[in-house]
Amino acid sequence: MIRDRGKMKWQGFFMTEHTQLLKQIPREYEKMKKPELDEQELEEIQIITMESLTYTLTIKMTIWVDGFTKTYEGIVDKIDHINMYIHLETNDLKILKFHINEVISVERV
Protein backbone atom coordinates (compact mmCIF):
# COMPACT_ATOMS: atom_id res chain seq x y z
CA MET A 1 0.00 0.00 0.00
CA ILE A 2 1.30 3.45 -0.92
CA ARG A 3 1.41 5.87 1.96
CA ASP A 4 0.65 9.37 0.72
CA ARG A 5 0.98 12.66 2.57
CA GLY A 6 -2.56 13.67 1.52
CA LYS A 7 -3.22 17.39 1.76
CA MET A 8 0.24 18.09 3.11
CA LYS A 9 1.90 17.79 -0.29
CA TRP A 10 -0.45 20.43 -1.72
CA GLN A 11 0.28 23.01 0.99
CA GLY A 12 3.41 24.13 -0.86
CA PHE A 13 1.29 25.42 -3.73
CA PHE A 14 -0.75 27.78 -1.55
CA MET A 15 0.41 31.31 -0.83
CA THR A 16 0.06 32.57 2.73
CA GLU A 17 -2.74 34.91 1.65
CA HIS A 18 -4.70 31.97 0.27
CA THR A 19 -4.31 29.97 3.46
CA GLN A 20 -5.47 32.93 5.58
CA LEU A 21 -8.55 33.38 3.38
CA LEU A 22 -9.35 29.67 3.58
CA LYS A 23 -9.22 29.87 7.39
CA GLN A 24 -11.55 32.90 7.41
CA ILE A 25 -14.30 31.26 5.34
CA PRO A 26 -15.73 29.10 8.17
CA ARG A 27 -15.72 32.14 10.51
CA GLU A 28 -17.91 34.06 8.05
CA TYR A 29 -20.57 31.34 8.24
CA GLU A 30 -20.57 31.47 12.05
CA LYS A 31 -21.40 35.18 12.15
CA MET A 32 -24.85 36.12 13.39
CA LYS A 33 -26.99 39.19 13.00
CA LYS A 34 -27.28 41.51 15.98
CA PRO A 35 -30.49 40.67 17.84
CA GLU A 36 -33.10 43.42 17.97
CA LEU A 37 -34.00 44.20 21.59
CA ASP A 38 -37.47 45.39 22.51
CA GLU A 39 -38.24 47.96 25.20
CA GLN A 40 -38.78 45.36 27.91
CA GLU A 41 -35.38 43.75 27.31
CA LEU A 42 -33.65 47.15 27.26
CA GLU A 43 -35.35 48.08 30.52
CA GLU A 44 -34.28 44.79 32.11
CA ILE A 45 -30.67 45.42 31.00
CA GLN A 46 -30.84 48.89 32.54
CA ILE A 47 -32.31 47.65 35.83
CA ILE A 48 -29.77 44.84 36.28
CA THR A 49 -26.77 47.03 35.40
CA MET A 50 -27.93 49.74 37.81
CA GLU A 51 -28.38 47.11 40.57
CA SER A 52 -24.86 45.85 39.92
CA LEU A 53 -23.50 49.40 40.07
CA THR A 54 -25.43 50.35 43.22
CA TYR A 55 -25.18 47.13 45.24
CA THR A 56 -21.93 45.72 43.73
CA LEU A 57 -23.67 42.57 42.51
CA THR A 58 -21.97 40.20 40.06
CA ILE A 59 -23.64 39.99 36.67
CA LYS A 60 -23.08 38.13 33.41
CA MET A 61 -23.06 40.47 30.40
CA THR A 62 -23.26 39.25 26.80
CA ILE A 63 -21.73 41.52 24.18
CA TRP A 64 -22.25 41.45 20.39
CA VAL A 65 -19.20 42.55 18.38
CA ASP A 66 -18.75 42.09 14.65
CA GLY A 67 -21.17 39.18 14.31
CA PHE A 68 -19.99 37.24 17.36
CA THR A 69 -21.08 37.20 20.99
CA LYS A 70 -18.86 37.11 24.03
CA THR A 71 -19.90 36.75 27.67
CA TYR A 72 -18.17 38.47 30.58
CA GLU A 73 -18.78 38.17 34.29
CA GLY A 74 -18.12 40.95 36.77
CA ILE A 75 -19.43 44.03 38.58
CA VAL A 76 -20.42 47.28 36.87
CA ASP A 77 -17.80 49.82 37.91
CA LYS A 78 -19.13 52.89 36.11
CA ILE A 79 -21.75 53.93 33.56
CA ASP A 80 -20.77 56.80 31.28
CA HIS A 81 -24.08 58.27 30.11
CA ILE A 82 -22.46 60.98 27.98
CA ASN A 83 -20.29 58.67 25.83
CA MET A 84 -22.65 55.69 26.36
CA TYR A 85 -20.12 53.24 27.82
CA ILE A 86 -20.37 50.65 30.58
CA HIS A 87 -17.21 49.87 32.57
CA LEU A 88 -17.24 46.29 33.87
CA GLU A 89 -14.75 45.08 36.48
CA THR A 90 -14.13 41.38 35.87
CA ASN A 91 -13.30 38.78 38.51
CA ASP A 92 -9.58 39.08 37.72
CA LEU A 93 -9.78 42.86 38.43
CA LYS A 94 -9.59 44.02 34.80
CA ILE A 95 -11.77 46.95 33.75
CA LEU A 96 -13.49 46.36 30.40
CA LYS A 97 -15.29 49.12 28.53
CA PHE A 98 -18.32 48.34 26.32
CA HIS A 99 -20.53 50.62 24.28
CA ILE A 100 -24.13 50.41 25.47
CA ASN A 101 -25.31 49.40 21.97
CA GLU A 102 -23.07 46.29 22.08
CA VAL A 103 -24.86 44.80 25.11
CA ILE A 104 -27.44 42.21 24.08
CA SER A 105 -28.22 40.60 27.44
CA VAL A 106 -27.49 40.90 31.14
CA GLU A 107 -28.33 38.43 33.88
CA ARG A 108 -27.75 38.18 37.60
CA VAL A 109 -25.28 35.58 38.83
C-alpha atoms as a PDB file:
ATOM      1  CA  MET A   1       0.000   0.000   0.000  1.00  0.00           C
ATOM      2  CA  ILE A   2       1.299   3.449  -0.923  1.00  0.00           C
ATOM      3  CA  ARG A   3       1.414   5.869   1.957  1.00  0.00           C
ATOM      4  CA  ASP A   4       0.653   9.370   0.718  1.00  0.00           C
ATOM      5  CA  ARG A   5       0.976  12.664   2.574  1.00  0.00           C
ATOM      6  CA  GLY A   6      -2.559  13.666   1.517  1.00  0.00           C
ATOM      7  CA  LYS A   7      -3.220  17.389   1.759  1.00  0.00           C
ATOM      8  CA  MET A   8       0.242  18.089   3.113  1.00  0.00           C
ATOM      9  CA  LYS A   9       1.900  17.789  -0.288  1.00  0.00           C
ATOM     10  CA  TRP A  10      -0.449  20.435  -1.724  1.00  0.00           C
ATOM     11  CA  GLN A  11       0.275  23.006   0.991  1.00  0.00           C
ATOM     12  CA  GLY A  12       3.412  24.126  -0.856  1.00  0.00           C
ATOM     13  CA  PHE A  13       1.294  25.425  -3.734  1.00  0.00           C
ATOM     14  CA  PHE A  14      -0.751  27.781  -1.548  1.00  0.00           C
ATOM     15  CA  MET A  15       0.409  31.307  -0.831  1.00  0.00           C
ATOM     16  CA  THR A  16       0.056  32.566   2.733  1.00  0.00           C
ATOM     17  CA  GLU A  17      -2.744  34.912   1.647  1.00  0.00           C
ATOM     18  CA  HIS A  18      -4.699  31.969   0.272  1.00  0.00           C
ATOM     19  CA  THR A  19      -4.309  29.967   3.462  1.00  0.00           C
ATOM     20  CA  GLN A  20      -5.474  32.927   5.577  1.00  0.00           C
ATOM     21  CA  LEU A  21      -8.548  33.377   3.381  1.00  0.00           C
ATOM     22  CA  LEU A  22      -9.351  29.673   3.584  1.00  0.00           C
ATOM     23  CA  LYS A  23      -9.218  29.865   7.389  1.00  0.00           C
ATOM     24  CA  GLN A  24     -11.554  32.903   7.410  1.00  0.00           C
ATOM     25  CA  ILE A  25     -14.299  31.264   5.343  1.00  0.00           C
ATOM     26  CA  PRO A  26     -15.728  29.101   8.173  1.00  0.00           C
ATOM     27  CA  ARG A  27     -15.722  32.140  10.505  1.00  0.00           C
ATOM     28  CA  GLU A  28     -17.907  34.064   8.045  1.00  0.00           C
ATOM     29  CA  TYR A  29     -20.569  31.340   8.237  1.00  0.00           C
ATOM     30  CA  GLU A  30     -20.574  31.467  12.052  1.00  0.00           C
ATOM     31  CA  LYS A  31     -21.397  35.184  12.155  1.00  0.00           C
ATOM     32  CA  MET A  32     -24.850  36.119  13.393  1.00  0.00           C
ATOM     33  CA  LYS A  33     -26.995  39.194  13.000  1.00  0.00           C
ATOM     34  CA  LYS A  34     -27.285  41.508  15.976  1.00  0.00           C
ATOM     35  CA  PRO A  35     -30.485  40.666  17.842  1.00  0.00           C
ATOM     36  CA  GLU A  36     -33.096  43.415  17.969  1.00  0.00           C
ATOM     37  CA  LEU A  37     -34.000  44.196  21.587  1.00  0.00           C
ATOM     38  CA  ASP A  38     -37.469  45.389  22.506  1.00  0.00           C
ATOM     39  CA  GLU A  39     -38.236  47.964  25.201  1.00  0.00           C
ATOM     40  CA  GLN A  40     -38.776  45.362  27.905  1.00  0.00           C
ATOM     41  CA  GLU A  41     -35.378  43.747  27.308  1.00  0.00           C
ATOM     42  CA  LEU A  42     -33.655  47.149  27.255  1.00  0.00           C
ATOM     43  CA  GLU A  43     -35.350  48.085  30.518  1.00  0.00           C
ATOM     44  CA  GLU A  44     -34.282  44.792  32.106  1.00  0.00           C
ATOM     45  CA  ILE A  45     -30.673  45.418  31.001  1.00  0.00           C
ATOM     46  CA  GLN A  46     -30.840  48.889  32.538  1.00  0.00           C
ATOM     47  CA  ILE A  47     -32.310  47.652  35.834  1.00  0.00           C
ATOM     48  CA  ILE A  48     -29.770  44.842  36.283  1.00  0.00           C
ATOM     49  CA  THR A  49     -26.768  47.028  35.402  1.00  0.00           C
ATOM     50  CA  MET A  50     -27.927  49.738  37.812  1.00  0.00           C
ATOM     51  CA  GLU A  51     -28.385  47.109  40.565  1.00  0.00           C
ATOM     52  CA  SER A  52     -24.859  45.852  39.918  1.00  0.00           C
ATOM     53  CA  LEU A  53     -23.500  49.404  40.069  1.00  0.00           C
ATOM     54  CA  THR A  54     -25.434  50.347  43.221  1.00  0.00           C
ATOM     55  CA  TYR A  55     -25.175  47.129  45.244  1.00  0.00           C
ATOM     56  CA  THR A  56     -21.930  45.716  43.727  1.00  0.00           C
ATOM     57  CA  LEU A  57     -23.671  42.568  42.508  1.00  0.00           C
ATOM     58  CA  THR A  58     -21.970  40.205  40.063  1.00  0.00           C
ATOM     59  CA  ILE A  59     -23.644  39.986  36.666  1.00  0.00           C
ATOM     60  CA  LYS A  60     -23.082  38.125  33.414  1.00  0.00           C
ATOM     61  CA  MET A  61     -23.056  40.466  30.398  1.00  0.00           C
ATOM     62  CA  THR A  62     -23.256  39.246  26.804  1.00  0.00           C
ATOM     63  CA  ILE A  63     -21.734  41.524  24.178  1.00  0.00           C
ATOM     64  CA  TRP A  64     -22.253  41.448  20.392  1.00  0.00           C
ATOM     65  CA  VAL A  65     -19.203  42.546  18.376  1.00  0.00           C
ATOM     66  CA  ASP A  66     -18.748  42.089  14.649  1.00  0.00           C
ATOM     67  CA  GLY A  67     -21.170  39.184  14.312  1.00  0.00           C
ATOM     68  CA  PHE A  68     -19.989  37.240  17.361  1.00  0.00           C
ATOM     69  CA  THR A  69     -21.077  37.197  20.994  1.00  0.00           C
ATOM     70  CA  LYS A  70     -18.858  37.115  24.033  1.00  0.00           C
ATOM     71  CA  THR A  71     -19.900  36.747  27.666  1.00  0.00           C
ATOM     72  CA  TYR A  72     -18.172  38.470  30.580  1.00  0.00           C
ATOM     73  CA  GLU A  73     -18.780  38.167  34.294  1.00  0.00           C
ATOM     74  CA  GLY A  74     -18.125  40.949  36.768  1.00  0.00           C
ATOM     75  CA  ILE A  75     -19.426  44.030  38.576  1.00  0.00           C
ATOM     76  CA  VAL A  76     -20.423  47.280  36.868  1.00  0.00           C
ATOM     77  CA  ASP A  77     -17.803  49.824  37.914  1.00  0.00           C
ATOM     78  CA  LYS A  78     -19.129  52.885  36.110  1.00  0.00           C
ATOM     79  CA  ILE A  79     -21.749  53.930  33.555  1.00  0.00           C
ATOM     80  CA  ASP A  80     -20.765  56.801  31.275  1.00  0.00           C
ATOM     81  CA  HIS A  81     -24.082  58.274  30.112  1.00  0.00           C
ATOM     82  CA  ILE A  82     -22.457  60.976  27.976  1.00  0.00           C
ATOM     83  CA  ASN A  83     -20.294  58.670  25.827  1.00  0.00           C
ATOM     84  CA  MET A  84     -22.653  55.694  26.355  1.00  0.00           C
ATOM     85  CA  TYR A  85     -20.124  53.242  27.818  1.00  0.00           C
ATOM     86  CA  ILE A  86     -20.373  50.655  30.582  1.00  0.00           C
ATOM     87  CA  HIS A  87     -17.213  49.867  32.571  1.00  0.00           C
ATOM     88  CA  LEU A  88     -17.239  46.286  33.867  1.00  0.00           C
ATOM     89  CA  GLU A  89     -14.753  45.076  36.483  1.00  0.00           C
ATOM     90  CA  THR A  90     -14.127  41.381  35.867  1.00  0.00           C
ATOM     91  CA  ASN A  91     -13.297  38.776  38.511  1.00  0.00           C
ATOM     92  CA  ASP A  92      -9.582  39.081  37.716  1.00  0.00           C
ATOM     93  CA  LEU A  93      -9.784  42.865  38.428  1.00  0.00           C
ATOM     94  CA  LYS A  94      -9.591  44.023  34.800  1.00  0.00           C
ATOM     95  CA  ILE A  95     -11.770  46.954  33.750  1.00  0.00           C
ATOM     96  CA  LEU A  96     -13.489  46.362  30.398  1.00  0.00           C
ATOM     97  CA  LYS A  97     -15.289  49.118  28.527  1.00  0.00           C
ATOM     98  CA  PHE A  98     -18.317  48.342  26.324  1.00  0.00           C
ATOM     99  CA  HIS A  99     -20.529  50.618  24.285  1.00  0.00           C
ATOM    100  CA  ILE A 100     -24.129  50.409  25.466  1.00  0.00           C
ATOM    101  CA  ASN A 101     -25.315  49.396  21.975  1.00  0.00           C
ATOM    102  CA  GLU A 102     -23.067  46.286  22.078  1.00  0.00           C
ATOM    103  CA  VAL A 103     -24.857  44.799  25.112  1.00  0.00           C
ATOM    104  CA  ILE A 104     -27.442  42.212  24.082  1.00  0.00           C
ATOM    105  CA  SER A 105     -28.218  40.595  27.442  1.00  0.00           C
ATOM    106  CA  VAL A 106     -27.485  40.903  31.140  1.00  0.00           C
ATOM    107  CA  GLU A 107     -28.329  38.426  33.879  1.00  0.00           C
ATOM    108  CA  ARG A 108     -27.753  38.177  37.595  1.00  0.00           C
ATOM    109  CA  VAL A 109     -25.282  35.581  38.830  1.00  0.00           C
END
